[in-house]
Amino acid sequence: MATLTRLAWWLLAYASLALGFIGIFLPGLPTVPFILLAAFAAARGSRPLHVWLRRDRRFGPMIRDWQRNGAVSRRAKRTAVAMMALSVLVMLVFMPDRRMAIPGIVVMGGVAIWLWRRPEPR
């Protein structure tokens, strides 16, 4: 059972990491939450991946800040909100009925509020 649980964490870690990388290039798909989830899952399922993520020059500081204080940098907050705003614009322009965008806008608005309430690293 322990091996199966560890395998599930391992799969979640690598799937989240893949989605995080895709999110770098695809507006609307967040990067930061998937990288943080990958680090969380890797700590339980893949020690080498967890160590690699914490040492990575791009993701390491973000992961360490989150693990220490639940902190998110101002730059990451601004980038996330800008990408969410771009996603809202894309939804409003391309959806056949703009009312279909309302759930996405509400969720992104909630995420933006939650994100800005997170502390910033010292």
PDB file of N, CA and C in Angstrom:
ATOM      1  N   MET A   1       0.816  -1.208   0.000  1.00  0.00           N
ATOM      2  CA  MET A   1       0.000   0.000   0.000  1.00  0.00           C
ATOM      3  C   MET A   1       0.855   1.266   0.000  1.00  0.00           C
ATOM      4  N   ALA A   2       1.947   1.248   0.786  1.00  0.00           N
ATOM      5  CA  ALA A   2       2.824   2.417   0.854  1.00  0.00           C
ATOM      6  C   ALA A   2       3.455   2.699  -0.506  1.00  0.00           C
ATOM      7  N   THR A   3       3.808   1.649  -1.226  1.00  0.00           N
ATOM      8  CA  THR A   3       4.407   1.819  -2.548  1.00  0.00           C
ATOM      9  C   THR A   3       3.403   2.428  -3.515  1.00  0.00           C
ATOM     10  N   LEU A   4       2.162   1.998  -3.427  1.00  0.00           N
ATOM     11  CA  LEU A   4       1.111   2.546  -4.288  1.00  0.00           C
ATOM     12  C   LEU A   4       0.862   4.024  -3.971  1.00  0.00           C
ATOM     13  N   THR A   5       0.844   4.365  -2.702  1.00  0.00           N
ATOM     14  CA  THR A   5       0.664   5.763  -2.293  1.00  0.00           C
ATOM     15  C   THR A   5       1.820   6.617  -2.800  1.00  0.00           C
ATOM     16  N   ARG A   6       3.027   6.103  -2.639  1.00  0.00           N
ATOM     17  CA  ARG A   6       4.208   6.838  -3.112  1.00  0.00           C
ATOM     18  C   ARG A   6       4.161   7.027  -4.630  1.00  0.00           C
ATOM     19  N   LEU A   7       3.715   6.011  -5.349  1.00  0.00           N
ATOM     20  CA  LEU A   7       3.576   6.100  -6.804  1.00  0.00           C
ATOM     21  C   LEU A   7       2.543   7.165  -7.181  1.00  0.00           C
ATOM     22  N   ALA A   8       1.455   7.237  -6.444  1.00  0.00           N
ATOM     23  CA  ALA A   8       0.423   8.249  -6.715  1.00  0.00           C
ATOM     24  C   ALA A   8       0.994   9.654  -6.515  1.00  0.00           C
ATOM     25  N   TRP A   9       1.757   9.854  -5.433  1.00  0.00           N
ATOM     26  CA  TRP A   9       2.388  11.168  -5.213  1.00  0.00           C
ATOM     27  C   TRP A   9       3.382  11.482  -6.335  1.00  0.00           C
ATOM     28  N   TRP A  10       4.140  10.464  -6.748  1.00  0.00           N
ATOM     29  CA  TRP A  10       5.121  10.631  -7.821  1.00  0.00           C
ATOM     30  C   TRP A  10       4.420  11.064  -9.115  1.00  0.00           C
ATOM     31  N   LEU A  11       3.329  10.376  -9.445  1.00  0.00           N
ATOM     32  CA  LEU A  11       2.571  10.725 -10.660  1.00  0.00           C
ATOM     33  C   LEU A  11       2.003  12.140 -10.567  1.00  0.00           C
ATOM     34  N   LEU A  12       1.453  12.494  -9.413  1.00  0.00           N
ATOM     35  CA  LEU A  12       0.914  13.844  -9.227  1.00  0.00           C
ATOM     36  C   LEU A  12       2.017  14.885  -9.360  1.00  0.00           C
ATOM     37  N   ALA A  13       3.183  14.604  -8.818  1.00  0.00           N
ATOM     38  CA  ALA A  13       4.303  15.545  -8.893  1.00  0.00           C
ATOM     39  C   ALA A  13       4.702  15.805 -10.351  1.00  0.00           C
ATOM     40  N   TYR A  14       4.894  14.747 -11.106  1.00  0.00           N
ATOM     41  CA  TYR A  14       5.334  14.931 -12.497  1.00  0.00           C
ATOM     42  C   TYR A  14       4.223  15.493 -13.384  1.00  0.00           C
ATOM     43  N   ALA A  15       2.983  15.122 -13.148  1.00  0.00           N
ATOM     44  CA  ALA A  15       1.869  15.688 -13.919  1.00  0.00           C
ATOM     45  C   ALA A  15       1.732  17.185 -13.624  1.00  0.00           C
ATOM     46  N   SER A  16       1.859  17.556 -12.357  1.00  0.00           N
ATOM     47  CA  SER A  16       1.771  18.975 -11.989  1.00  0.00           C
ATOM     48  C   SER A  16       2.934  19.770 -12.585  1.00  0.00           C
ATOM     49  N   LEU A  17       4.105  19.186 -12.556  1.00  0.00           N
ATOM     50  CA  LEU A  17       5.267  19.856 -13.142  1.00  0.00           C
ATOM     51  C   LEU A  17       5.057  20.077 -14.640  1.00  0.00           C
ATOM     52  N   ALA A  18       4.533  19.064 -15.324  1.00  0.00           N
ATOM     53  CA  ALA A  18       4.263  19.200 -16.768  1.00  0.00           C
ATOM     54  C   ALA A  18       3.242  20.306 -17.019  1.00  0.00           C
ATOM     55  N   LEU A  19       2.173  20.332 -16.237  1.00  0.00           N
ATOM     56  CA  LEU A  19       1.162  21.389 -16.406  1.00  0.00           C
ATOM     57  C   LEU A  19       1.747  22.766 -16.092  1.00  0.00           C
ATOM     58  N   GLY A  20       2.621  22.824 -15.095  1.00  0.00           N
ATOM     59  CA  GLY A  20       3.278  24.096 -14.782  1.00  0.00           C
ATOM     60  C   GLY A  20       4.133  24.592 -15.934  1.00  0.00           C
ATOM     61  N   PHE A  21       4.877  23.696 -16.571  1.00  0.00           N
ATOM     62  CA  PHE A  21       5.687  24.098 -17.725  1.00  0.00           C
ATOM     63  C   PHE A  21       4.807  24.546 -18.890  1.00  0.00           C
ATOM     64  N   ILE A  22       3.724  23.837 -19.125  1.00  0.00           N
ATOM     65  CA  ILE A  22       2.803  24.238 -20.197  1.00  0.00           C
ATOM     66  C   ILE A  22       2.220  25.606 -19.888  1.00  0.00           C
ATOM     67  N   GLY A  23       1.938  25.851 -18.605  1.00  0.00           N
ATOM     68  CA  GLY A  23       1.374  27.136 -18.188  1.00  0.00           C
ATOM     69  C   GLY A  23       2.282  28.325 -18.446  1.00  0.00           C
ATOM     70  N   ILE A  24       3.577  28.089 -18.588  1.00  0.00           N
ATOM     71  CA  ILE A  24       4.496  29.182 -18.916  1.00  0.00           C
ATOM     72  C   ILE A  24       4.150  29.777 -20.274  1.00  0.00           C
ATOM     73  N   PHE A  25       3.700  28.941 -21.187  1.00  0.00           N
ATOM     74  CA  PHE A  25       3.456  29.370 -22.557  1.00  0.00           C
ATOM     75  C   PHE A  25       1.985  29.538 -22.906  1.00  0.00           C
ATOM     76  N   LEU A  26       1.093  29.044 -22.086  1.00  0.00           N
ATOM     77  CA  LEU A  26      -0.327  29.046 -22.404  1.00  0.00           C
ATOM     78  C   LEU A  26      -1.098  29.946 -21.442  1.00  0.00           C
ATOM     79  N   PRO A  27      -1.555  31.098 -21.923  1.00  0.00           N
ATOM     80  CA  PRO A  27      -2.329  31.973 -21.043  1.00  0.00           C
ATOM     81  C   PRO A  27      -3.572  31.246 -20.532  1.00  0.00           C
ATOM     82  N   GLY A  28      -3.907  31.480 -19.293  1.00  0.00           N
ATOM     83  CA  GLY A  28      -5.074  30.848 -18.708  1.00  0.00           C
ATOM     84  C   GLY A  28      -4.734  29.623 -17.881  1.00  0.00           C
ATOM     85  N   LEU A  29      -3.576  29.030 -18.124  1.00  0.00           N
ATOM     86  CA  LEU A  29      -3.139  27.883 -17.335  1.00  0.00           C
ATOM     87  C   LEU A  29      -2.055  28.391 -16.383  1.00  0.00           C
ATOM     88  N   PRO A  30      -2.333  28.375 -15.078  1.00  0.00           N
ATOM     89  CA  PRO A  30      -1.374  28.961 -14.136  1.00  0.00           C
ATOM     90  C   PRO A  30      -0.124  28.109 -13.982  1.00  0.00           C
ATOM     91  N   THR A  31       0.990  28.768 -13.763  1.00  0.00           N
ATOM     92  CA  THR A  31       2.254  28.064 -13.563  1.00  0.00           C
ATOM     93  C   THR A  31       2.527  27.850 -12.080  1.00  0.00           C
ATOM     94  N   VAL A  32       2.457  28.921 -11.311  1.00  0.00           N
ATOM     95  CA  VAL A  32       2.867  28.878  -9.903  1.00  0.00           C
ATOM     96  C   VAL A  32       2.122  27.811  -9.101  1.00  0.00           C
ATOM     97  N   PRO A  33       0.794  27.734  -9.158  1.00  0.00           N
ATOM     98  CA  PRO A  33       0.135  26.703  -8.344  1.00  0.00           C
ATOM     99  C   PRO A  33       0.545  25.280  -8.718  1.00  0.00           C
ATOM    100  N   PHE A  34       0.771  25.045 -10.006  1.00  0.00           N
ATOM    101  CA  PHE A  34       1.164  23.695 -10.418  1.00  0.00           C
ATOM    102  C   PHE A  34       2.586  23.368  -9.969  1.00  0.00           C
ATOM    103  N   ILE A  35       3.478  24.340  -9.988  1.00  0.00           N
ATOM    104  CA  ILE A  35       4.846  24.102  -9.520  1.00  0.00           C
ATOM    105  C   ILE A  35       4.840  23.858  -8.012  1.00  0.00           C
ATOM    106  N   LEU A  36       4.040  24.644  -7.280  1.00  0.00           N
ATOM    107  CA  LEU A  36       3.941  24.432  -5.831  1.00  0.00           C
ATOM    108  C   LEU A  36       3.343  23.061  -5.525  1.00  0.00           C
ATOM    109  N   LEU A  37       2.324  22.669  -6.280  1.00  0.00           N
ATOM    110  CA  LEU A  37       1.734  21.337  -6.093  1.00  0.00           C
ATOM    111  C   LEU A  37       2.757  20.247  -6.429  1.00  0.00           C
ATOM    112  N   ALA A  38       3.546  20.469  -7.470  1.00  0.00           N
ATOM    113  CA  ALA A  38       4.586  19.500  -7.830  1.00  0.00           C
ATOM    114  C   ALA A  38       5.587  19.336  -6.689  1.00  0.00           C
ATOM    115  N   ALA A  39       5.986  20.445  -6.075  1.00  0.00           N
ATOM    116  CA  ALA A  39       6.933  20.379  -4.959  1.00  0.00           C
ATOM    117  C   ALA A  39       6.313  19.650  -3.773  1.00  0.00           C
ATOM    118  N   PHE A  40       5.053  19.940  -3.493  1.00  0.00           N
ATOM    119  CA  PHE A  40       4.344  19.288  -2.389  1.00  0.00           C
ATOM    120  C   PHE A  40       4.275  17.781  -2.609  1.00  0.00           C
ATOM    121  N   ALA A  41       3.866  17.392  -3.806  1.00  0.00           N
ATOM    122  CA  ALA A  41       3.736  15.963  -4.114  1.00  0.00           C
ATOM    123  C   ALA A  41       5.104  15.286  -4.188  1.00  0.00           C
ATOM    124  N   ALA A  42       6.086  15.982  -4.731  1.00  0.00           N
ATOM    125  CA  ALA A  42       7.428  15.397  -4.841  1.00  0.00           C
ATOM    126  C   ALA A  42       8.029  15.132  -3.468  1.00  0.00           C
ATOM    127  N   ALA A  43       7.716  15.977  -2.485  1.00  0.00           N
ATOM    128  CA  ALA A  43       8.229  15.746  -1.126  1.00  0.00           C
ATOM    129  C   ALA A  43       7.727  14.422  -0.573  1.00  0.00           C
ATOM    130  N   ARG A  44       6.615  13.938  -1.097  1.00  0.00           N
ATOM    131  CA  ARG A  44       6.031  12.687  -0.625  1.00  0.00           C
ATOM    132  C   ARG A  44       6.290  11.512  -1.568  1.00  0.00           C
ATOM    133  N   GLY A  45       6.678  11.796  -2.819  1.00  0.00           N
ATOM    134  CA  GLY A  45       6.795  10.703  -3.778  1.00  0.00           C
ATOM    135  C   GLY A  45       8.087  10.631  -4.556  1.00  0.00           C
ATOM    136  N   SER A  46       8.870  11.710  -4.573  1.00  0.00           N
ATOM    137  CA  SER A  46      10.103  11.694  -5.353  1.00  0.00           C
ATOM    138  C   SER A  46      11.121  12.657  -4.739  1.00  0.00           C
ATOM    139  N   ARG A  47      11.916  12.127  -3.866  1.00  0.00           N
ATOM    140  CA  ARG A  47      12.941  12.962  -3.205  1.00  0.00           C
ATOM    141  C   ARG A  47      13.843  13.662  -4.225  1.00  0.00           C
ATOM    142  N   PRO A  48      14.333  12.973  -5.271  1.00  0.00           N
ATOM    143  CA  PRO A  48      15.197  13.661  -6.239  1.00  0.00           C
ATOM    144  C   PRO A  48      14.496  14.838  -6.925  1.00  0.00           C
ATOM    145  N   LEU A  49      13.225  14.678  -7.286  1.00  0.00           N
ATOM    146  CA  LEU A  49      12.493  15.779  -7.917  1.00  0.00           C
ATOM    147  C   LEU A  49      12.308  16.928  -6.931  1.00  0.00           C
ATOM    148  N   HIS A  50      11.996  16.614  -5.691  1.00  0.00           N
ATOM    149  CA  HIS A  50      11.810  17.657  -4.686  1.00  0.00           C
ATOM    150  C   HIS A  50      13.096  18.461  -4.497  1.00  0.00           C
ATOM    151  N   VAL A  51      14.201  17.775  -4.388  1.00  0.00           N
ATOM    152  CA  VAL A  51      15.495  18.457  -4.235  1.00  0.00           C
ATOM    153  C   VAL A  51      15.782  19.304  -5.471  1.00  0.00           C
ATOM    154  N   TRP A  52      15.543  18.770  -6.651  1.00  0.00           N
ATOM    155  CA  TRP A  52      15.785  19.513  -7.894  1.00  0.00           C
ATOM    156  C   TRP A  52      14.923  20.777  -7.957  1.00  0.00           C
ATOM    157  N   LEU A  53      13.635  20.659  -7.619  1.00  0.00           N
ATOM    158  CA  LEU A  53      12.744  21.817  -7.657  1.00  0.00           C
ATOM    159  C   LEU A  53      13.191  22.888  -6.668  1.00  0.00           C
ATOM    160  N   ARG A  54      13.571  22.490  -5.461  1.00  0.00           N
ATOM    161  CA  ARG A  54      14.004  23.472  -4.457  1.00  0.00           C
ATOM    162  C   ARG A  54      15.314  24.145  -4.848  1.00  0.00           C
ATOM    163  N   ARG A  55      16.150  23.479  -5.621  1.00  0.00           N
ATOM    164  CA  ARG A  55      17.438  24.058  -6.033  1.00  0.00           C
ATOM    165  C   ARG A  55      17.367  24.802  -7.364  1.00  0.00           C
ATOM    166  N   ASP A  56      16.277  24.619  -8.100  1.00  0.00           N
ATOM    167  CA  ASP A  56      16.146  25.258  -9.411  1.00  0.00           C
ATOM    168  C   ASP A  56      16.182  26.773  -9.260  1.00  0.00           C
ATOM    169  N   ARG A  57      16.911  27.455 -10.149  1.00  0.00           N
ATOM    170  CA  ARG A  57      17.071  28.912 -10.025  1.00  0.00           C
ATOM    171  C   ARG A  57      15.771  29.664 -10.290  1.00  0.00           C
ATOM    172  N   ARG A  58      14.866  29.111 -11.108  1.00  0.00           N
ATOM    173  CA  ARG A  58      13.600  29.796 -11.393  1.00  0.00           C
ATOM    174  C   ARG A  58      12.540  29.473 -10.352  1.00  0.00           C
ATOM    175  N   PHE A  59      12.408  28.204 -10.013  1.00  0.00           N
ATOM    176  CA  PHE A  59      11.322  27.774  -9.139  1.00  0.00           C
ATOM    177  C   PHE A  59      11.718  27.667  -7.675  1.00  0.00           C
ATOM    178  N   GLY A  60      12.982  27.429  -7.403  1.00  0.00           N
ATOM    179  CA  GLY A  60      13.440  27.211  -6.030  1.00  0.00           C
ATOM    180  C   GLY A  60      13.067  28.318  -5.059  1.00  0.00           C
ATOM    181  N   PRO A  61      13.371  29.589  -5.368  1.00  0.00           N
ATOM    182  CA  PRO A  61      13.023  30.649  -4.417  1.00  0.00           C
ATOM    183  C   PRO A  61      11.519  30.713  -4.136  1.00  0.00           C
ATOM    184  N   MET A  62      10.703  30.540  -5.157  1.00  0.00           N
ATOM    185  CA  MET A  62       9.252  30.579  -5.004  1.00  0.00           C
ATOM    186  C   MET A  62       8.789  29.433  -4.098  1.00  0.00           C
ATOM    187  N   ILE A  63       9.329  28.257  -4.306  1.00  0.00           N
ATOM    188  CA  ILE A  63       8.948  27.090  -3.507  1.00  0.00           C
ATOM    189  C   ILE A  63       9.399  27.264  -2.066  1.00  0.00           C
ATOM    190  N   ARG A  64      10.625  27.710  -1.870  1.00  0.00           N
ATOM    191  CA  ARG A  64      11.132  27.892  -0.503  1.00  0.00           C
ATOM    192  C   ARG A  64      10.336  28.964   0.235  1.00  0.00           C
ATOM    193  N   ASP A  65      10.007  30.074  -0.439  1.00  0.00           N
ATOM    194  CA  ASP A  65       9.185  31.128   0.187  1.00  0.00           C
ATOM    195  C   ASP A  65       7.826  30.584   0.602  1.00  0.00           C
ATOM    196  N   TRP A  66       7.222  29.790  -0.272  1.00  0.00           N
ATOM    197  CA  TRP A  66       5.905  29.232   0.036  1.00  0.00           C
ATOM    198  C   TRP A  66       5.999  28.243   1.205  1.00  0.00           C
ATOM    199  N   GLN A  67       7.008  27.387   1.184  1.00  0.00           N
ATOM    200  CA  GLN A  67       7.127  26.386   2.240  1.00  0.00           C
ATOM    201  C   GLN A  67       7.451  27.006   3.595  1.00  0.00           C
ATOM    202  N   ARG A  68       8.196  28.093   3.600  1.00  0.00           N
ATOM    203  CA  ARG A  68       8.549  28.748   4.865  1.00  0.00           C
ATOM    204  C   ARG A  68       7.400  29.547   5.450  1.00  0.00           C
ATOM    205  N   ASN A  69       6.779  30.418   4.620  1.00  0.00           N
ATOM    206  CA  ASN A  69       5.823  31.399   5.145  1.00  0.00           C
ATOM    207  C   ASN A  69       4.505  31.461   4.392  1.00  0.00           C
ATOM    208  N   GLY A  70       4.312  30.612   3.394  1.00  0.00           N
ATOM    209  CA  GLY A  70       3.118  30.759   2.558  1.00  0.00           C
ATOM    210  C   GLY A  70       3.173  32.058   1.768  1.00  0.00           C
ATOM    211  N   ALA A  71       4.394  32.501   1.468  1.00  0.00           N
ATOM    212  CA  ALA A  71       4.611  33.798   0.829  1.00  0.00           C
ATOM    213  C   ALA A  71       4.716  33.670  -0.685  1.00  0.00           C
ATOM    214  N   VAL A  72       4.255  34.727  -1.373  1.00  0.00           N
ATOM    215  CA  VAL A  72       4.328  34.815  -2.834  1.00  0.00           C
ATOM    216  C   VAL A  72       4.906  36.183  -3.164  1.00  0.00           C
ATOM    217  N   SER A  73       5.894  36.225  -4.048  1.00  0.00           N
ATOM    218  CA  SER A  73       6.547  37.493  -4.385  1.00  0.00           C
ATOM    219  C   SER A  73       5.585  38.423  -5.117  1.00  0.00           C
ATOM    220  N   ARG A  74       5.849  39.708  -4.988  1.00  0.00           N
ATOM    221  CA  ARG A  74       5.016  40.699  -5.665  1.00  0.00           C
ATOM    222  C   ARG A  74       5.066  40.505  -7.179  1.00  0.00           C
ATOM    223  N   ARG A  75       6.230  40.160  -7.695  1.00  0.00           N
ATOM    224  CA  ARG A  75       6.359  39.923  -9.142  1.00  0.00           C
ATOM    225  C   ARG A  75       5.465  38.774  -9.588  1.00  0.00           C
ATOM    226  N   ALA A  76       5.461  37.680  -8.815  1.00  0.00           N
ATOM    227  CA  ALA A  76       4.614  36.532  -9.156  1.00  0.00           C
ATOM    228  C   ALA A  76       3.137  36.910  -9.083  1.00  0.00           C
ATOM    229  N   LYS A  77       2.780  37.714  -8.091  1.00  0.00           N
ATOM    230  CA  LYS A  77       1.387  38.166  -7.963  1.00  0.00           C
ATOM    231  C   LYS A  77       0.985  38.995  -9.177  1.00  0.00           C
ATOM    232  N   ARG A  78       1.840  39.936  -9.544  1.00  0.00           N
ATOM    233  CA  ARG A  78       1.530  40.789 -10.704  1.00  0.00           C
ATOM    234  C   ARG A  78       1.414  39.969 -11.984  1.00  0.00           C
ATOM    235  N   THR A  79       2.344  39.045 -12.175  1.00  0.00           N
ATOM    236  CA  THR A  79       2.319  38.210 -13.372  1.00  0.00           C
ATOM    237  C   THR A  79       1.053  37.362 -13.415  1.00  0.00           C
ATOM    238  N   ALA A  80       0.699  36.768 -12.282  1.00  0.00           N
ATOM    239  CA  ALA A  80      -0.500  35.926 -12.233  1.00  0.00           C
ATOM    240  C   ALA A  80      -1.757  36.734 -12.540  1.00  0.00           C
ATOM    241  N   VAL A  81      -1.869  37.905 -11.946  1.00  0.00           N
ATOM    242  CA  VAL A  81      -3.056  38.743 -12.182  1.00  0.00           C
ATOM    243  C   VAL A  81      -3.083  39.224 -13.633  1.00  0.00           C
ATOM    244  N   ALA A  82      -1.933  39.556 -14.193  1.00  0.00           N
ATOM    245  CA  ALA A  82      -1.887  39.989 -15.595  1.00  0.00           C
ATOM    246  C   ALA A  82      -2.327  38.847 -16.523  1.00  0.00           C
ATOM    247  N   MET A  83      -1.882  37.630 -16.237  1.00  0.00           N
ATOM    248  CA  MET A  83      -2.270  36.483 -17.063  1.00  0.00           C
ATOM    249  C   MET A  83      -3.761  36.171 -16.906  1.00  0.00           C
ATOM    250  N   MET A  84      -4.270  36.344 -15.699  1.00  0.00           N
ATOM    251  CA  MET A  84      -5.707  36.130 -15.508  1.00  0.00           C
ATOM    252  C   MET A  84      -6.506  37.192 -16.264  1.00  0.00           C
ATOM    253  N   ALA A  85      -6.031  38.434 -16.244  1.00  0.00           N
ATOM    254  CA  ALA A  85      -6.720  39.501 -16.977  1.00  0.00           C
ATOM    255  C   ALA A  85      -6.691  39.213 -18.477  1.00  0.00           C
ATOM    256  N   LEU A  86      -5.557  38.739 -18.977  1.00  0.00           N
ATOM    257  CA  LEU A  86      -5.458  38.370 -20.387  1.00  0.00           C
ATOM    258  C   LEU A  86      -6.426  37.227 -20.711  1.00  0.00           C
ATOM    259  N   SER A  87      -6.530  36.279 -19.810  1.00  0.00           N
ATOM    260  CA  SER A  87      -7.453  35.158 -20.011  1.00  0.00           C
ATOM    261  C   SER A  87      -8.902  35.630 -20.046  1.00  0.00           C
ATOM    262  N   VAL A  88      -9.240  36.569 -19.191  1.00  0.00           N
ATOM    263  CA  VAL A  88     -10.603  37.128 -19.193  1.00  0.00           C
ATOM    264  C   VAL A  88     -10.870  37.804 -20.530  1.00  0.00           C
ATOM    265  N   LEU A  89      -9.904  38.573 -21.001  1.00  0.00           N
ATOM    266  CA  LEU A  89     -10.056  39.250 -22.290  1.00  0.00           C
ATOM    267  C   LEU A  89     -10.264  38.239 -23.414  1.00  0.00           C
ATOM    268  N   VAL A  90      -9.462  37.191 -23.422  1.00  0.00           N
ATOM    269  CA  VAL A  90      -9.585  36.153 -24.457  1.00  0.00           C
ATOM    270  C   VAL A  90     -10.964  35.490 -24.376  1.00  0.00           C
ATOM    271  N   MET A  91     -11.412  35.195 -23.171  1.00  0.00           N
ATOM    272  CA  MET A  91     -12.744  34.576 -23.022  1.00  0.00           C
ATOM    273  C   MET A  91     -13.835  35.501 -23.541  1.00  0.00           C
ATOM    274  N   LEU A  92     -13.749  36.764 -23.193  1.00  0.00           N
ATOM    275  CA  LEU A  92     -14.791  37.703 -23.602  1.00  0.00           C
ATOM    276  C   LEU A  92     -14.815  37.916 -25.110  1.00  0.00           C
ATOM    277  N   VAL A  93     -13.655  37.850 -25.728  1.00  0.00           N
ATOM    278  CA  VAL A  93     -13.583  38.058 -27.177  1.00  0.00           C
ATOM    279  C   VAL A  93     -14.027  36.820 -27.947  1.00  0.00           C
ATOM    280  N   PHE A  94     -13.644  35.626 -27.494  1.00  0.00           N
ATOM    281  CA  PHE A  94     -13.845  34.430 -28.299  1.00  0.00           C
ATOM    282  C   PHE A  94     -15.026  33.549 -27.906  1.00  0.00           C
ATOM    283  N   MET A  95     -15.603  33.748 -26.751  1.00  0.00           N
ATOM    284  CA  MET A  95     -16.755  32.915 -26.385  1.00  0.00           C
ATOM    285  C   MET A  95     -17.994  33.391 -27.124  1.00  0.00           C
ATOM    286  N   PRO A  96     -18.771  32.465 -27.634  1.00  0.00           N
ATOM    287  CA  PRO A  96     -19.954  32.851 -28.407  1.00  0.00           C
ATOM    288  C   PRO A  96     -20.989  33.603 -27.558  1.00  0.00           C
ATOM    289  N   ASP A  97     -21.061  33.290 -26.288  1.00  0.00           N
ATOM    290  CA  ASP A  97     -21.974  33.974 -25.382  1.00  0.00           C
ATOM    291  C   ASP A  97     -21.147  34.420 -24.179  1.00  0.00           C
ATOM    292  N   ARG A  98     -21.037  35.712 -23.981  1.00  0.00           N
ATOM    293  CA  ARG A  98     -20.166  36.231 -22.919  1.00  0.00           C
ATOM    294  C   ARG A  98     -20.577  35.775 -21.530  1.00  0.00           C
ATOM    295  N   ARG A  99     -21.822  35.390 -21.371  1.00  0.00           N
ATOM    296  CA  ARG A  99     -22.256  34.898 -20.059  1.00  0.00           C
ATOM    297  C   ARG A  99     -21.528  33.609 -19.684  1.00  0.00           C
ATOM    298  N   MET A 100     -21.033  32.886 -20.677  1.00  0.00           N
ATOM    299  CA  MET A 100     -20.286  31.658 -20.412  1.00  0.00           C
ATOM    300  C   MET A 100     -18.972  31.948 -19.682  1.00  0.00           C
ATOM    301  N   ALA A 101     -18.484  33.161 -19.792  1.00  0.00           N
ATOM    302  CA  ALA A 101     -17.212  33.531 -19.164  1.00  0.00           C
ATOM    303  C   ALA A 101     -17.375  33.853 -17.678  1.00  0.00           C
ATOM    304  N   ILE A 102     -18.593  34.040 -17.221  1.00  0.00           N
ATOM    305  CA  ILE A 102     -18.818  34.486 -15.841  1.00  0.00           C
ATOM    306  C   ILE A 102     -18.196  33.546 -14.807  1.00  0.00           C
ATOM    307  N   PRO A 103     -18.387  32.225 -14.895  1.00  0.00           N
ATOM    308  CA  PRO A 103     -17.755  31.364 -13.872  1.00  0.00           C
ATOM    309  C   PRO A 103     -16.231  31.507 -13.834  1.00  0.00           C
ATOM    310  N   GLY A 104     -15.610  31.564 -14.996  1.00  0.00           N
ATOM    311  CA  GLY A 104     -14.153  31.728 -15.041  1.00  0.00           C
ATOM    312  C   GLY A 104     -13.712  33.051 -14.463  1.00  0.00           C
ATOM    313  N   ILE A 105     -14.452  34.094 -14.761  1.00  0.00           N
ATOM    314  CA  ILE A 105     -14.111  35.421 -14.237  1.00  0.00           C
ATOM    315  C   ILE A 105     -14.253  35.442 -12.714  1.00  0.00           C
ATOM    316  N   VAL A 106     -15.306  34.829 -12.217  1.00  0.00           N
ATOM    317  CA  VAL A 106     -15.520  34.788 -10.762  1.00  0.00           C
ATOM    318  C   VAL A 106     -14.396  34.014 -10.071  1.00  0.00           C
ATOM    319  N   VAL A 107     -14.043  32.858 -10.621  1.00  0.00           N
ATOM    320  CA  VAL A 107     -12.972  32.051 -10.026  1.00  0.00           C
ATOM    321  C   VAL A 107     -11.648  32.813 -10.066  1.00  0.00           C
ATOM    322  N   MET A 108     -11.315  33.400 -11.211  1.00  0.00           N
ATOM    323  CA  MET A 108     -10.052  34.137 -11.304  1.00  0.00           C
ATOM    324  C   MET A 108     -10.046  35.349 -10.386  1.00  0.00           C
ATOM    325  N   GLY A 109     -11.188  35.990 -10.235  1.00  0.00           N
ATOM    326  CA  GLY A 109     -11.274  37.113  -9.300  1.00  0.00           C
ATOM    327  C   GLY A 109     -11.019  36.657  -7.875  1.00  0.00           C
ATOM    328  N   GLY A 110     -11.598  35.519  -7.503  1.00  0.00           N
ATOM    329  CA  GLY A 110     -11.361  34.970  -6.164  1.00  0.00           C
ATOM    330  C   GLY A 110      -9.906  34.596  -5.950  1.00  0.00           C
ATOM    331  N   VAL A 111      -9.301  33.991  -6.957  1.00  0.00           N
ATOM    332  CA  VAL A 111      -7.890  33.621  -6.861  1.00  0.00           C
ATOM    333  C   VAL A 111      -7.025  34.874  -6.734  1.00  0.00           C
ATOM    334  N   ALA A 112      -7.337  35.906  -7.494  1.00  0.00           N
ATOM    335  CA  ALA A 112      -6.558  37.148  -7.427  1.00  0.00           C
ATOM    336  C   ALA A 112      -6.646  37.769  -6.027  1.00  0.00           C
ATOM    337  N   ILE A 113      -7.837  37.792  -5.459  1.00  0.00           N
ATOM    338  CA  ILE A 113      -8.002  38.344  -4.107  1.00  0.00           C
ATOM    339  C   ILE A 113      -7.207  37.515  -3.098  1.00  0.00           C
ATOM    340  N   TRP A 114      -7.349  36.186  -3.185  1.00  0.00           N
ATOM    341  CA  TRP A 114      -6.613  35.316  -2.274  1.00  0.00           C
ATOM    342  C   TRP A 114      -5.106  35.528  -2.429  1.00  0.00           C
ATOM    343  N   LEU A 115      -4.650  35.604  -3.683  1.00  0.00           N
ATOM    344  CA  LEU A 115      -3.223  35.745  -3.955  1.00  0.00           C
ATOM    345  C   LEU A 115      -2.662  37.034  -3.368  1.00  0.00           C
ATOM    346  N   TRP A 116      -3.379  38.148  -3.538  1.00  0.00           N
ATOM    347  CA  TRP A 116      -2.884  39.429  -3.023  1.00  0.00           C
ATOM    348  C   TRP A 116      -2.916  39.485  -1.501  1.00  0.00           C
ATOM    349  N   ARG A 117      -3.664  38.598  -0.879  1.00  0.00           N
ATOM    350  CA  ARG A 117      -3.700  38.566   0.587  1.00  0.00           C
ATOM    351  C   ARG A 117      -2.564  37.732   1.170  1.00  0.00           C
ATOM    352  N   ARG A 118      -1.852  36.997   0.330  1.00  0.00           N
ATOM    353  CA  ARG A 118      -0.702  36.212   0.798  1.00  0.00           C
ATOM    354  C   ARG A 118       0.428  37.147   1.169  1.00  0.00           C
ATOM    355  N   PRO A 119       1.209  36.792   2.180  1.00  0.00           N
ATOM    356  CA  PRO A 119       2.359  37.635   2.530  1.00  0.00           C
ATOM    357  C   PRO A 119       3.417  37.597   1.432  1.00  0.00           C
ATOM    358  N   GLU A 120       4.273  38.605   1.448  1.00  0.00           N
ATOM    359  CA  GLU A 120       5.389  38.646   0.502  1.00  0.00           C
ATOM    360  C   GLU A 120       6.663  38.221   1.235  1.00  0.00           C
ATOM    361  N   PRO A 121       7.602  37.614   0.513  1.00  0.00           N
ATOM    362  CA  PRO A 121       8.849  37.174   1.166  1.00  0.00           C
ATOM    363  C   PRO A 121       9.587  38.361   1.765  1.00  0.00           C
ATOM    364  N   ARG A 122      10.303  38.094   2.828  1.00  0.00           N
ATOM    365  CA  ARG A 122      11.085  39.149   3.497  1.00  0.00           C
ATOM    366  C   ARG A 122      12.330  39.465   2.723  1.00  0.00           C
TER     367      ARG A 122
END
